[in-house]
Amino acid sequence: MTSATNDLASDAARGQEISVSVNAEARRVGAGSLADVLVALGYGGQKVATALNGEFVPERMRADTPVASGDRIEVLSARQGG
């Protein structure tokens, strides 16, 4: 585990909140992984595409992707119709 990952795990254990931008909206969420943040924001179980600081994050990597204060998260869902 890296130092940043250790720090993140410590923050999550303490229940610390961080400030992030989600779809260009300022939000406060519990520190954790991208998967944790998606659950906290109500996206748990939904099929969505995610990006962290402009980089695509595949679903299989979200649980291992730490989120830090100041990060920019984009969450996109598919729409039907045309």
Protein backbone atom coordinates (compact mmCIF):
# COMPACT_ATOMS: atom_id res chain seq x y z
CA MET A 1 0.00 0.00 0.00
CA THR A 2 1.30 3.49 -0.83
CA SER A 3 1.54 6.30 1.68
CA ALA A 4 -1.38 8.10 0.02
CA THR A 5 -3.47 4.93 0.20
CA ASN A 6 -2.54 4.50 3.87
CA ASP A 7 -3.53 8.13 4.57
CA LEU A 8 -6.82 7.59 2.74
CA ALA A 9 -7.56 4.45 4.74
CA SER A 10 -6.87 6.38 7.94
CA ASP A 11 -9.19 9.20 6.87
CA ALA A 12 -11.97 6.74 6.04
CA ALA A 13 -11.54 4.98 9.38
CA ARG A 14 -11.91 8.33 11.16
CA GLY A 15 -15.01 9.17 9.11
CA GLN A 16 -13.34 12.27 7.67
CA GLU A 17 -15.16 14.13 4.93
CA ILE A 18 -13.40 15.60 1.92
CA SER A 19 -14.40 18.22 -0.67
CA VAL A 20 -14.66 17.05 -4.26
CA SER A 21 -16.30 18.24 -7.46
CA VAL A 22 -18.93 15.87 -8.89
CA ASN A 23 -20.14 16.77 -12.36
CA ALA A 24 -18.88 20.34 -11.71
CA GLU A 25 -20.82 20.59 -8.41
CA ALA A 26 -18.98 20.98 -5.10
CA ARG A 27 -19.77 18.10 -2.74
CA ARG A 28 -18.57 16.83 0.65
CA VAL A 29 -18.22 13.07 0.89
CA GLY A 30 -16.62 10.55 3.21
CA ALA A 31 -13.02 9.79 2.29
CA GLY A 32 -12.62 6.48 0.54
CA SER A 33 -12.41 4.86 -2.85
CA LEU A 34 -14.24 5.99 -5.96
CA ALA A 35 -16.61 3.05 -5.43
CA ASP A 36 -17.36 4.29 -1.89
CA VAL A 37 -18.04 7.80 -3.16
CA LEU A 38 -20.43 6.51 -5.85
CA VAL A 39 -22.42 4.59 -3.23
CA ALA A 40 -22.55 7.66 -0.96
CA LEU A 41 -23.84 9.76 -3.88
CA GLY A 42 -26.62 7.27 -4.69
CA TYR A 43 -25.03 5.68 -7.78
CA GLY A 44 -24.46 2.29 -6.12
CA GLY A 45 -25.51 -0.56 -8.43
CA GLN A 46 -26.14 1.71 -11.42
CA LYS A 47 -24.29 1.25 -14.70
CA VAL A 48 -22.33 4.48 -15.07
CA ALA A 49 -19.07 5.64 -16.62
CA THR A 50 -16.64 7.44 -14.34
CA ALA A 51 -13.66 9.73 -14.68
CA LEU A 52 -11.36 10.99 -11.94
CA ASN A 53 -9.48 14.20 -12.71
CA GLY A 54 -10.16 13.74 -16.42
CA GLU A 55 -9.01 10.11 -16.59
CA PHE A 56 -11.50 7.30 -17.30
CA VAL A 57 -11.78 4.80 -14.43
CA PRO A 58 -13.21 1.39 -15.40
CA GLU A 59 -15.73 -0.20 -13.05
CA ARG A 60 -13.30 -2.96 -12.05
CA MET A 61 -10.79 -0.36 -10.76
CA ARG A 62 -13.13 1.88 -8.74
CA ALA A 63 -12.72 0.02 -5.43
CA ASP A 64 -8.93 0.42 -5.70
CA THR A 65 -9.00 4.07 -6.80
CA PRO A 66 -8.59 6.48 -3.87
CA VAL A 67 -10.36 9.83 -3.92
CA ALA A 68 -8.72 12.85 -2.29
CA SER A 69 -9.89 16.32 -1.38
CA GLY A 70 -9.96 18.55 -4.46
CA ASP A 71 -10.48 15.70 -6.94
CA ARG A 72 -12.83 16.15 -9.90
CA ILE A 73 -15.25 13.26 -10.49
CA GLU A 74 -17.44 12.88 -13.55
CA VAL A 75 -20.32 10.39 -13.53
CA LEU A 76 -22.15 9.69 -16.78
CA SER A 77 -25.10 7.38 -17.37
CA ALA A 78 -26.44 6.07 -20.67
CA ARG A 79 -29.70 7.46 -21.98
CA GLN A 80 -32.18 5.73 -24.22
CA GLY A 81 -33.83 7.33 -27.18
CA GLY A 82 -32.47 9.64 -29.79
